[in-house]
Amino acid sequence: MSDPDSGLAPQADGASVAERRKGKSSRRAKRKRSHGRPNAHSAKASQAGKSSQAAQRPAEDDAGSPARKRKRRRRARGAAHGGAQSASQTQQQFSSAPEHRAAADHGHPSSHKSGKNRRKHRSKRGLQGRPLAHEKTAQIVAPANMPANAHAPAHDDHRQSRQSPPRREGQGQHHFTEADSRPLDLYAALDLGTNNCRLLIAQPTRPGQFRVVDAFSRIVRLGEGLGASGRLSSDAMDRAVEALRICAAKLKAREIRRMRLIATEACRAADNGEAFLARVTEETGLQLEIIDRETEARLAVSGCSSLVGPEARSVVLFDIGGGSSEIAVIRIGENRSSRLANHITHWTSLPVGVVTLSERHGGRDVTPELFETMVCEVQRMLERFDCPPVQGAARDSGDFHLIGTSGTVTTLAGVHLDLPRYDRRRVDGVWLSDDEVSAMQAKLLSWDFAGRAANPCIGPDRADLVLAGCAILEAIRRRWPSPRMRVADRGLREGLLTDMMADDGVWRRGRSRRGHRPRDMKGPQT
């Protein structure tokens, strides 16, 4: 018979409970009987009654019997080590033989109590007498029409699967313990973009921060061929639905207090975007909403608010997506709001992203001339954005900088750090000077497609998109020159989580107050 905990045969020294019940004593018990020290009570009885064997034997039977000595030693060891479980095992071991069981159970209340405990926990113990691990029963709350056979194969994109679990506050793991007396307040955010499908499940912690419980990311290229046909292709929709099935299984396996599932530019621009989301609901049970470009810009700002330092007075934040690029101009006065999105003064959404721009000009073989053509195209779009000059731009004042949240800027940071594999903990929040950004763009432009695909921070899935993203970034840098840029490996999902938690008031003791829209916020002009 094998041990269910270790898979090995039980030891021959009596470790098995079944062997103990046969009345066999272990080596440890024999050693204690032969070498045990007499206790104080038996020592006094022995000194007082050494005159005759007849006088010694009744005293030993009454108070100094071997069974009682062992009983007292077991109680003393249990009190010293706090080992209620060890004391129970030892008592069970020595009381297995009939002659010892009768003496151990004679008139002592603790023996009845330990017997009850053994019967109570007998079903939870293995052959070695150790308590088995408690089974975690997940509270499943699934969206409507969730299929019962949903499953979650572990396949993420190459960057998400290789990176280590982040340790920082706001990105980490939580493990359930027996001390948890209440269920976790879990929030979920899903972002179905033109290029990626991303899910984040998190628990609020300190004010303004949260801990990640589960995450998923996969490149689906939903907007593949959208610029030419105006519709989502069948292959692209199949890839997206398969990724959303995994997300649905993850959401079904946890009790989510509140969730928000969004779709962005690909579903906004496609003629069959609404029909695709209806198919998603039918096959996965997930009900996604298509958000407008203004909401997308505000969510990107909310997700990166913790990366704006207290010394900043003006910030231009941009999110280079797959089908569109959102840009927000932020001016922070003396009274800084807890929600950075309240300080947005101007914003725009360019109808161009890494997927659409690379499909229009080609992303595999990019020459310096082709790269400059893509930059000029984005610059013409930015010229239609009516925004006054940002105070502090084009000079090293320290109160203005850029923030980039996209795969393009995180790739540049990973290449700059020369990482052997992409590591989010080292990339998120890193600063790049203007010269460093220019050097990284020139390095990527000098590599061919195979060289870009071989880089661990790019990979084959992004090798044909990264230079199109660099062209959009270069156009933004020419419009708002800045001595430094901060890299953010975060975005819409973090913004969704932050807004939901703030609306529910999880970070405040008082009642929750919903955020207000800034009065001076102007619409897009593209």
Protein backbone atom coordinates (compact mmCIF):
# COMPACT_ATOMS: atom_id res chain seq x y z
CA MET A 1 0.00 0.00 0.00
CA SER A 2 1.41 3.43 -0.92
CA ASP A 3 1.21 6.76 0.83
CA PRO A 4 -1.18 9.19 -0.95
CA ASP A 5 0.96 12.17 0.10
CA SER A 6 4.38 10.95 -1.05
CA GLY A 7 3.48 8.03 -3.34
CA LEU A 8 5.98 5.81 -1.49
CA ALA A 9 5.44 2.67 0.56
CA PRO A 10 4.99 3.30 4.30
CA GLN A 11 8.06 2.94 6.46
CA ALA A 12 8.68 -0.28 8.35
CA ASP A 13 9.04 1.45 11.72
CA GLY A 14 5.33 1.71 12.35
CA ALA A 15 4.52 5.01 10.53
CA SER A 16 1.28 3.56 9.17
CA VAL A 17 -1.86 3.99 11.26
CA ALA A 18 -3.06 0.60 10.05
CA GLU A 19 0.06 -1.02 11.49
CA ARG A 20 -0.36 0.84 14.76
CA ARG A 21 -3.89 -0.48 15.14
CA LYS A 22 -2.59 -4.03 15.02
CA GLY A 23 -0.94 -3.42 18.40
CA LYS A 24 2.62 -3.14 17.12
CA SER A 25 4.79 -0.69 18.97
CA SER A 26 7.21 1.54 17.08
CA ARG A 27 10.92 1.77 17.71
CA ARG A 28 10.41 5.16 19.26
CA ALA A 29 7.93 3.72 21.78
CA LYS A 30 10.28 0.88 22.70
CA ARG A 31 13.16 3.33 23.10
CA LYS A 32 11.10 5.53 25.40
CA ARG A 33 9.99 2.59 27.53
CA SER A 34 13.56 1.38 27.97
CA HIS A 35 15.30 4.74 28.40
CA GLY A 36 12.54 6.97 29.78
CA ARG A 37 13.29 9.09 32.80
CA PRO A 38 11.07 8.79 35.87
CA ASN A 39 8.99 11.84 36.62
CA ALA A 40 8.92 13.72 39.91
CA HIS A 41 5.93 11.85 41.29
CA SER A 42 7.41 8.42 40.59
CA ALA A 43 10.80 9.53 42.02
CA LYS A 44 9.21 10.53 45.31
CA ALA A 45 7.23 7.30 45.46
CA SER A 46 10.35 5.28 44.74
CA GLN A 47 12.42 7.06 47.45
CA ALA A 48 9.68 6.66 50.02
CA GLY A 49 8.97 3.01 49.28
CA LYS A 50 12.31 1.26 48.70
CA SER A 51 11.91 -0.93 51.78
CA SER A 52 10.09 -3.78 50.06
CA GLN A 53 8.87 -4.96 46.65
CA ALA A 54 5.36 -5.32 47.97
CA ALA A 55 5.22 -1.67 48.99
CA GLN A 56 6.70 -0.44 45.73
CA ARG A 57 4.38 -2.28 43.40
CA PRO A 58 1.10 -0.69 44.57
CA ALA A 59 2.61 2.80 44.34
CA GLU A 60 3.81 2.08 40.84
CA ASP A 61 0.45 0.73 39.80
CA ASP A 62 -1.34 3.72 41.25
CA ALA A 63 0.70 6.74 40.21
CA GLY A 64 3.93 5.56 38.59
CA SER A 65 2.70 2.98 36.13
CA PRO A 66 4.41 2.99 32.72
CA ALA A 67 1.15 4.01 31.04
CA ARG A 68 0.70 7.05 33.32
CA LYS A 69 4.36 8.03 32.98
CA ARG A 70 4.07 8.02 29.24
CA LYS A 71 0.83 9.94 29.51
CA ARG A 72 2.42 12.69 31.58
CA ARG A 73 5.42 12.88 29.25
CA ARG A 74 3.12 13.25 26.26
CA ARG A 75 1.18 16.07 27.93
CA ALA A 76 4.43 17.85 28.84
CA ARG A 77 5.75 17.59 25.28
CA GLY A 78 2.47 18.81 23.81
CA ALA A 79 2.42 21.86 26.11
CA ALA A 80 6.07 22.69 25.34
CA HIS A 81 5.81 22.49 21.56
CA GLY A 82 2.20 23.48 21.03
CA GLY A 83 1.79 20.26 19.11
CA ALA A 84 -1.75 19.15 19.65
CA GLN A 85 -1.49 17.07 16.49
CA SER A 86 1.76 15.37 17.62
CA ALA A 87 0.28 14.60 21.05
CA SER A 88 -2.78 13.08 19.42
CA GLN A 89 -0.62 10.92 17.15
CA THR A 90 1.58 9.74 20.06
CA GLN A 91 -1.44 8.91 22.20
CA GLN A 92 -2.93 6.96 19.35
CA GLN A 93 0.38 5.16 18.87
CA PHE A 94 0.76 4.01 22.50
CA SER A 95 -2.90 3.30 23.13
CA SER A 96 -3.17 0.95 20.16
CA ALA A 97 -2.26 -2.14 22.23
CA PRO A 98 -5.14 -3.40 24.43
CA GLU A 99 -3.16 -3.36 27.69
CA HIS A 100 -2.05 0.29 27.19
CA ARG A 101 -5.37 1.53 25.81
CA ALA A 102 -7.22 0.55 28.97
CA ALA A 103 -4.68 2.33 31.21
CA ALA A 104 -4.52 5.48 29.04
CA ASP A 105 -8.28 5.93 28.90
CA HIS A 106 -8.76 5.42 32.63
CA GLY A 107 -10.56 8.37 34.16
CA HIS A 108 -8.78 11.24 32.35
CA PRO A 109 -10.94 13.85 30.54
CA SER A 110 -8.28 14.70 27.94
CA SER A 111 -8.35 11.14 26.66
CA HIS A 112 -12.04 11.44 25.74
CA LYS A 113 -11.41 14.79 24.08
CA SER A 114 -8.50 13.49 22.01
CA GLY A 115 -10.56 10.48 21.00
CA LYS A 116 -13.31 12.76 19.75
CA ASN A 117 -10.76 14.82 17.82
CA ARG A 118 -9.39 11.70 16.20
CA ARG A 119 -12.84 10.63 15.11
CA LYS A 120 -13.65 14.15 13.95
CA HIS A 121 -10.55 14.48 11.74
CA ARG A 122 -10.21 10.87 10.70
CA SER A 123 -11.62 11.51 7.24
CA LYS A 124 -9.11 14.34 6.67
CA ARG A 125 -5.99 12.30 7.47
CA GLY A 126 -3.86 10.17 5.23
CA LEU A 127 -1.98 7.03 6.06
CA GLN A 128 0.72 9.07 7.78
CA GLY A 129 -1.79 10.78 10.06
CA ARG A 130 -1.17 14.22 8.47
CA PRO A 131 -4.14 16.48 7.68
CA LEU A 132 -4.86 16.58 3.96
CA ALA A 133 -4.96 19.92 2.11
CA HIS A 134 -8.36 21.59 2.20
CA GLU A 135 -10.12 21.59 -1.14
CA LYS A 136 -10.78 25.06 -2.51
CA THR A 137 -14.35 25.34 -3.66
CA ALA A 138 -14.56 28.22 -6.13
CA GLN A 139 -17.68 30.31 -6.25
CA ILE A 140 -18.59 30.31 -9.92
CA VAL A 141 -20.47 33.29 -11.24
CA ALA A 142 -20.60 33.13 -15.02
CA PRO A 143 -22.01 35.67 -17.47
CA ALA A 144 -25.26 34.84 -19.22
CA ASN A 145 -25.29 31.89 -21.61
CA MET A 146 -21.90 30.63 -20.42
CA PRO A 147 -21.33 27.18 -21.97
CA ALA A 148 -20.83 24.43 -19.42
CA ASN A 149 -17.88 22.90 -21.29
CA ALA A 150 -15.77 26.05 -21.34
CA HIS A 151 -12.13 25.31 -20.75
CA ALA A 152 -8.95 27.34 -20.52
CA PRO A 153 -5.88 25.97 -22.28
CA ALA A 154 -2.74 27.70 -21.13
CA HIS A 155 -1.64 29.50 -24.29
CA ASP A 156 -0.68 33.16 -24.09
CA ASP A 157 1.38 35.30 -26.41
CA HIS A 158 5.15 34.90 -26.25
CA ARG A 159 5.75 37.96 -24.06
CA GLN A 160 3.02 37.30 -21.50
CA SER A 161 3.94 33.65 -21.02
CA ARG A 162 7.65 34.27 -20.54
CA GLN A 163 7.55 37.08 -18.05
CA SER A 164 7.73 36.40 -14.33
CA PRO A 165 4.77 37.27 -12.10
CA PRO A 166 5.15 40.91 -11.08
CA ARG A 167 5.82 41.56 -7.42
CA ARG A 168 5.03 45.22 -7.20
CA GLU A 169 1.92 46.47 -5.46
CA GLY A 170 -0.80 46.57 -8.06
CA GLN A 171 0.58 43.54 -9.92
CA GLY A 172 0.98 40.36 -7.89
CA GLN A 173 -0.53 37.10 -6.79
CA HIS A 174 -2.88 36.38 -3.87
CA HIS A 175 -3.17 32.95 -2.29
CA PHE A 176 -6.18 31.87 -0.25
CA THR A 177 -5.54 30.66 3.29
CA GLU A 178 -7.73 29.24 6.02
CA ALA A 179 -7.51 32.58 7.82
CA ASP A 180 -9.49 34.32 5.07
CA SER A 181 -12.84 34.92 6.74
CA ARG A 182 -14.47 36.78 3.88
CA PRO A 183 -14.43 36.45 0.09
CA LEU A 184 -12.12 38.68 -1.89
CA ASP A 185 -13.52 41.74 -3.66
CA LEU A 186 -12.42 40.79 -7.17
CA TYR A 187 -12.76 43.07 -10.18
CA ALA A 188 -12.25 42.07 -13.82
CA ALA A 189 -11.40 44.10 -16.91
CA LEU A 190 -11.22 42.80 -20.47
CA ASP A 191 -9.90 44.75 -23.46
CA LEU A 192 -10.46 43.34 -26.95
CA GLY A 193 -8.35 45.51 -29.22
CA THR A 194 -7.33 45.44 -32.84
CA ASN A 195 -4.24 43.36 -32.11
CA ASN A 196 -4.59 41.91 -28.59
CA CYS A 197 -7.12 40.33 -26.26
CA ARG A 198 -6.27 41.07 -22.62
CA LEU A 199 -7.91 40.16 -19.32
CA LEU A 200 -7.03 41.28 -15.80
CA ILE A 201 -8.60 40.11 -12.51
CA ALA A 202 -7.48 42.06 -9.44
CA GLN A 203 -8.21 42.74 -5.79
CA PRO A 204 -7.98 46.29 -4.32
CA THR A 205 -5.28 46.79 -1.70
CA ARG A 206 -3.86 50.13 -0.57
CA PRO A 207 -5.53 53.35 -1.75
CA GLY A 208 -5.15 53.67 -5.50
CA GLN A 209 -3.53 50.26 -5.91
CA PHE A 210 -4.55 46.66 -6.47
CA ARG A 211 -3.09 43.17 -6.58
CA VAL A 212 -3.43 41.04 -9.69
CA VAL A 213 -5.05 37.66 -9.08
CA ASP A 214 -5.14 36.41 -12.67
CA ALA A 215 -4.17 37.75 -16.10
CA PHE A 216 -4.33 36.70 -19.73
CA SER A 217 -3.01 38.19 -22.97
CA ARG A 218 -2.96 36.86 -26.50
CA ILE A 219 -2.29 38.38 -29.92
CA VAL A 220 -5.39 37.74 -32.04
CA ARG A 221 -5.02 40.38 -34.81
CA LEU A 222 -8.74 41.00 -34.95
CA GLY A 223 -8.22 43.94 -37.30
CA GLU A 224 -6.26 41.96 -39.87
CA GLY A 225 -7.43 43.05 -43.34
CA LEU A 226 -9.89 45.55 -41.87
CA GLY A 227 -8.36 48.54 -43.65
CA ALA A 228 -8.83 46.99 -47.09
CA SER A 229 -12.24 45.32 -46.71
CA GLY A 230 -13.89 47.28 -43.92
CA ARG A 231 -14.97 44.02 -42.30
CA LEU A 232 -13.60 41.55 -39.77
CA SER A 233 -12.35 38.41 -41.49
CA SER A 234 -13.53 34.93 -40.52
CA ASP A 235 -10.07 33.80 -39.42
CA ALA A 236 -9.59 36.89 -37.27
CA MET A 237 -12.96 36.42 -35.59
CA ASP A 238 -12.21 32.74 -34.93
CA ARG A 239 -8.92 33.64 -33.24
CA ALA A 240 -10.63 36.25 -31.09
CA VAL A 241 -13.46 33.93 -30.07
CA GLU A 242 -10.99 31.24 -29.03
CA ALA A 243 -9.13 33.72 -26.81
CA LEU A 244 -12.40 34.99 -25.35
CA ARG A 245 -13.40 31.43 -24.43
CA ILE A 246 -10.31 31.27 -22.23
CA CYS A 247 -11.24 34.59 -20.65
CA ALA A 248 -14.79 33.37 -20.04
CA ALA A 249 -13.49 30.27 -18.27
CA LYS A 250 -11.27 32.38 -16.02
CA LEU A 251 -14.18 34.65 -15.12
CA LYS A 252 -16.45 31.69 -14.50
CA ALA A 253 -13.98 30.13 -12.07
CA ARG A 254 -14.05 33.13 -9.71
CA GLU A 255 -16.63 35.18 -7.89
CA ILE A 256 -16.31 38.59 -9.52
CA ARG A 257 -17.83 41.52 -7.71
CA ARG A 258 -17.83 43.76 -10.78
CA MET A 259 -16.51 43.47 -14.33
CA ARG A 260 -16.32 45.55 -17.46
CA LEU A 261 -15.60 44.08 -20.88
CA ILE A 262 -14.82 46.45 -23.73
CA ALA A 263 -14.01 46.37 -27.43
CA THR A 264 -12.18 49.17 -29.21
CA GLU A 265 -11.25 50.32 -32.72
CA ALA A 266 -11.59 47.07 -34.69
CA CYS A 267 -15.20 46.56 -33.61
CA ARG A 268 -15.90 50.30 -33.89
CA ALA A 269 -14.75 50.52 -37.51
CA ALA A 270 -15.90 47.16 -38.88
CA ASP A 271 -19.22 46.88 -40.65
CA ASN A 272 -19.81 43.52 -38.97
CA GLY A 273 -18.54 44.59 -35.54
CA GLU A 274 -21.94 44.35 -33.85
CA ALA A 275 -22.65 40.98 -35.47
CA PHE A 276 -19.30 39.70 -34.23
CA LEU A 277 -20.06 40.74 -30.64
CA ALA A 278 -23.40 38.97 -30.87
CA ARG A 279 -21.54 35.81 -31.87
CA VAL A 280 -19.18 36.30 -28.93
CA THR A 281 -22.12 36.46 -26.53
CA GLU A 282 -23.70 33.36 -28.03
CA GLU A 283 -20.54 31.23 -27.97
CA THR A 284 -18.78 32.47 -24.82
CA GLY A 285 -21.44 34.20 -22.72
CA LEU A 286 -19.40 37.42 -22.59
CA GLN A 287 -21.21 40.66 -23.33
CA LEU A 288 -18.72 43.22 -24.64
CA GLU A 289 -19.42 46.91 -25.11
CA ILE A 290 -17.89 49.04 -27.84
CA ILE A 291 -16.49 52.19 -26.22
CA ASP A 292 -15.99 55.47 -28.05
CA ARG A 293 -12.61 57.09 -28.58
CA GLU A 294 -13.04 59.65 -25.82
CA THR A 295 -13.65 56.90 -23.26
CA GLU A 296 -10.63 55.02 -24.55
CA ALA A 297 -8.41 58.07 -24.10
CA ARG A 298 -9.66 58.66 -20.55
CA LEU A 299 -9.16 55.01 -19.58
CA ALA A 300 -5.58 55.09 -20.85
CA VAL A 301 -4.90 58.13 -18.66
CA SER A 302 -6.53 56.51 -15.62
CA GLY A 303 -4.42 53.39 -16.06
CA CYS A 304 -1.15 55.36 -16.06
CA SER A 305 -1.96 57.95 -13.39
CA SER A 306 0.50 56.49 -10.87
CA LEU A 307 3.40 57.09 -13.29
CA VAL A 308 2.90 60.85 -13.31
CA GLY A 309 5.17 62.25 -10.64
CA PRO A 310 4.19 65.06 -8.25
CA GLU A 311 6.62 67.45 -9.95
CA ALA A 312 4.91 67.15 -13.36
CA ARG A 313 2.80 70.08 -14.47
CA SER A 314 2.17 69.05 -18.08
CA VAL A 315 2.08 65.59 -19.65
CA VAL A 316 1.28 64.25 -23.10
CA LEU A 317 0.12 60.64 -22.82
CA PHE A 318 -0.28 58.50 -25.92
CA ASP A 319 -1.52 54.98 -26.52
CA ILE A 320 -0.43 53.51 -29.85
CA GLY A 321 -2.94 50.78 -30.55
CA GLY A 322 -3.51 48.37 -33.38
CA GLY A 323 -6.15 50.37 -35.24
CA SER A 324 -6.08 53.79 -33.59
CA SER A 325 -3.80 55.95 -31.46
CA GLU A 326 -5.14 58.02 -28.57
CA ILE A 327 -3.35 61.16 -27.39
CA ALA A 328 -4.28 63.16 -24.29
CA VAL A 329 -2.84 66.50 -23.18
CA ILE A 330 -2.85 66.80 -19.39
CA ARG A 331 -2.30 70.03 -17.48
CA ILE A 332 -1.98 69.73 -13.73
CA GLY A 333 -2.45 72.79 -11.57
CA GLU A 334 -1.87 73.31 -7.88
CA ASN A 335 -4.91 71.26 -6.86
CA ARG A 336 -4.27 67.83 -8.26
CA SER A 337 -7.30 65.54 -8.41
CA SER A 338 -7.13 61.92 -7.32
CA ARG A 339 -8.21 61.05 -10.86
CA LEU A 340 -5.68 62.20 -13.40
CA ALA A 341 -8.28 61.97 -16.19
CA ASN A 342 -9.99 65.01 -14.67
CA HIS A 343 -6.99 67.10 -15.80
CA ILE A 344 -7.31 66.24 -19.51
CA THR A 345 -7.69 69.49 -21.45
CA HIS A 346 -7.37 68.25 -25.06
CA TRP A 347 -7.41 64.86 -26.64
CA THR A 348 -7.53 63.23 -30.05
CA SER A 349 -7.78 59.79 -31.58
CA LEU A 350 -5.85 59.19 -34.77
CA PRO A 351 -7.46 56.63 -37.10
CA VAL A 352 -4.17 54.81 -37.50
CA GLY A 353 -2.39 52.11 -35.52
CA VAL A 354 0.41 49.61 -35.93
CA VAL A 355 -1.75 47.09 -37.79
CA THR A 356 -3.39 49.52 -40.21
CA LEU A 357 -0.18 51.46 -40.91
CA SER A 358 1.93 48.34 -41.49
CA GLU A 359 -0.69 46.85 -43.81
CA ARG A 360 -0.83 50.10 -45.76
CA HIS A 361 2.93 50.47 -46.24
CA GLY A 362 4.32 47.02 -45.45
CA GLY A 363 6.00 46.08 -42.22
CA ARG A 364 8.45 43.33 -43.17
CA ASP A 365 10.98 45.21 -45.32
CA VAL A 366 11.09 48.81 -44.09
CA THR A 367 13.69 51.15 -45.55
CA PRO A 368 14.59 54.55 -44.08
CA GLU A 369 12.66 56.20 -46.91
CA LEU A 370 9.54 54.12 -46.25
CA PHE A 371 9.85 54.83 -42.54
CA GLU A 372 9.93 58.59 -43.22
CA THR A 373 6.86 58.24 -45.44
CA MET A 374 4.92 56.66 -42.57
CA VAL A 375 6.07 59.39 -40.18
CA CYS A 376 4.91 62.15 -42.53
CA GLU A 377 1.48 60.53 -42.92
CA VAL A 378 0.95 60.56 -39.15
CA GLN A 379 2.28 64.11 -38.92
CA ARG A 380 -0.38 65.32 -41.36
CA MET A 381 -3.03 63.77 -39.10
CA LEU A 382 -1.58 65.54 -36.07
CA GLU A 383 -1.64 68.90 -37.87
CA ARG A 384 -5.43 68.77 -37.75
CA PHE A 385 -5.36 68.43 -33.97
CA ASP A 386 -6.06 71.94 -32.63
CA CYS A 387 -4.13 72.09 -29.39
CA PRO A 388 -2.19 75.04 -27.96
CA PRO A 389 1.51 74.52 -27.22
CA VAL A 390 2.21 72.64 -24.04
CA GLN A 391 3.99 74.66 -21.39
CA GLY A 392 7.46 73.29 -20.70
CA ALA A 393 7.79 71.34 -23.95
CA ALA A 394 11.01 71.62 -25.97
CA ARG A 395 13.05 72.59 -22.90
CA ASP A 396 14.60 70.69 -20.06
CA SER A 397 12.42 72.11 -17.30
CA GLY A 398 11.55 68.84 -15.57
CA ASP A 399 7.84 69.64 -15.30
CA PHE A 400 6.89 68.20 -18.72
CA HIS A 401 7.40 64.75 -20.18
CA LEU A 402 5.82 62.13 -22.41
CA ILE A 403 4.19 58.89 -21.28
CA GLY A 404 3.83 56.07 -23.77
CA THR A 405 1.61 53.04 -23.15
CA SER A 406 1.75 50.52 -25.96
CA GLY A 407 3.67 47.55 -27.25
CA THR A 408 5.84 49.90 -29.26
CA VAL A 409 7.34 51.77 -26.32
CA THR A 410 7.66 48.66 -24.14
CA THR A 411 9.53 46.97 -26.99
CA LEU A 412 11.91 49.92 -27.27
CA ALA A 413 12.53 49.77 -23.52
CA GLY A 414 13.19 46.03 -23.61
CA VAL A 415 15.68 46.41 -26.47
CA HIS A 416 17.32 49.34 -24.69
CA LEU A 417 17.75 47.30 -21.50
CA ASP A 418 19.08 44.37 -23.56
CA LEU A 419 16.82 41.93 -21.74
CA PRO A 420 17.31 38.21 -22.42
CA ARG A 421 13.54 37.93 -22.20
CA TYR A 422 10.80 40.47 -21.71
CA ASP A 423 10.41 41.38 -18.03
CA ARG A 424 7.51 43.64 -17.18
CA ARG A 425 8.90 44.52 -13.76
CA ARG A 426 11.96 46.12 -15.34
CA VAL A 427 10.13 47.80 -18.21
CA ASP A 428 7.10 49.35 -16.53
CA GLY A 429 7.95 52.86 -15.33
CA VAL A 430 11.43 53.08 -16.86
CA TRP A 431 12.65 56.45 -18.18
CA LEU A 432 14.16 56.87 -21.66
CA SER A 433 15.94 60.02 -22.75
CA ASP A 434 15.29 61.56 -26.13
CA ASP A 435 18.67 60.34 -27.42
CA GLU A 436 18.01 56.81 -26.18
CA VAL A 437 14.68 56.64 -28.00
CA SER A 438 16.32 57.83 -31.23
CA ALA A 439 19.09 55.25 -30.86
CA MET A 440 16.64 52.40 -30.31
CA GLN A 441 14.55 53.39 -33.32
CA ALA A 442 17.68 53.52 -35.49
CA LYS A 443 18.75 50.08 -34.23
CA LEU A 444 15.38 48.52 -35.06
CA LEU A 445 15.40 50.16 -38.46
CA SER A 446 18.83 48.65 -39.19
CA TRP A 447 17.58 45.09 -38.50
CA ASP A 448 15.83 43.02 -41.12
CA PHE A 449 12.66 41.08 -40.40
CA ALA A 450 14.51 37.98 -39.23
CA GLY A 451 16.66 40.05 -36.87
CA ARG A 452 13.62 41.70 -35.31
CA ALA A 453 11.81 38.37 -34.96
CA ALA A 454 14.83 36.85 -33.21
CA ASN A 455 14.88 39.51 -30.52
CA PRO A 456 13.22 38.11 -27.35
CA CYS A 457 11.48 41.43 -26.63
CA ILE A 458 9.88 41.54 -30.11
CA GLY A 459 9.31 38.03 -31.38
CA PRO A 460 7.77 36.92 -34.68
CA ASP A 461 4.29 38.16 -33.75
CA ARG A 462 5.40 41.80 -33.55
CA ALA A 463 8.32 41.86 -35.97
CA ASP A 464 6.22 43.34 -38.78
CA LEU A 465 4.43 45.87 -36.54
CA VAL A 466 7.13 47.46 -34.41
CA LEU A 467 8.51 49.87 -37.05
CA ALA A 468 5.03 51.15 -37.87
CA GLY A 469 4.63 51.89 -34.18
CA CYS A 470 8.00 53.65 -34.15
CA ALA A 471 6.81 55.86 -37.03
CA ILE A 472 3.75 56.93 -35.01
CA LEU A 473 5.97 57.55 -31.99
CA GLU A 474 8.36 59.66 -34.05
CA ALA A 475 5.51 61.84 -35.31
CA ILE A 476 4.36 62.42 -31.71
CA ARG A 477 7.90 63.29 -30.60
CA ARG A 478 8.22 65.84 -33.38
CA ARG A 479 4.93 67.48 -32.38
CA TRP A 480 5.77 67.54 -28.64
CA PRO A 481 9.55 67.46 -28.18
CA SER A 482 10.52 66.29 -24.72
CA PRO A 483 13.87 65.50 -23.11
CA ARG A 484 12.51 62.28 -21.61
CA MET A 485 9.74 59.72 -21.98
CA ARG A 486 8.35 57.30 -19.41
CA VAL A 487 7.35 53.80 -20.47
CA ALA A 488 4.11 52.28 -19.18
CA ASP A 489 3.31 48.59 -19.49
CA ARG A 490 -0.30 49.24 -18.56
CA GLY A 491 -3.31 50.80 -20.17
CA LEU A 492 -7.03 50.29 -20.63
CA ARG A 493 -7.41 47.29 -18.30
CA GLU A 494 -5.74 49.13 -15.43
CA GLY A 495 -7.88 52.17 -16.15
CA LEU A 496 -11.05 50.08 -16.06
CA LEU A 497 -10.07 48.50 -12.75
CA THR A 498 -9.08 51.83 -11.19
CA ASP A 499 -12.35 53.50 -12.19
CA MET A 500 -14.53 50.61 -10.98
CA MET A 501 -12.77 50.42 -7.63
CA ALA A 502 -12.93 54.18 -7.16
CA ASP A 503 -16.63 54.25 -8.04
CA ASP A 504 -17.33 51.55 -5.46
CA GLY A 505 -15.39 53.46 -2.82
CA VAL A 506 -13.19 50.51 -1.89
CA TRP A 507 -10.31 52.84 -1.01
CA ARG A 508 -12.36 55.16 1.21
CA ARG A 509 -14.08 54.62 4.52
CA GLY A 510 -16.86 57.02 3.68
CA ARG A 511 -19.43 56.76 0.96
CA SER A 512 -18.25 56.54 -2.62
CA ARG A 513 -18.31 59.56 -4.85
CA ARG A 514 -18.42 59.19 -8.56
CA GLY A 515 -15.88 61.12 -10.58
CA HIS A 516 -16.97 64.07 -12.63
CA ARG A 517 -16.05 65.01 -16.14
CA PRO A 518 -13.76 68.00 -16.60
CA ARG A 519 -15.61 71.08 -17.76
CA ASP A 520 -12.87 72.32 -20.07
CA MET A 521 -12.38 69.05 -21.92
CA LYS A 522 -12.58 69.46 -25.68
CA GLY A 523 -13.45 66.85 -28.25
CA PRO A 524 -11.26 65.26 -30.90
CA GLN A 525 -10.25 67.11 -34.00
CA THR A 526 -8.65 64.77 -36.49
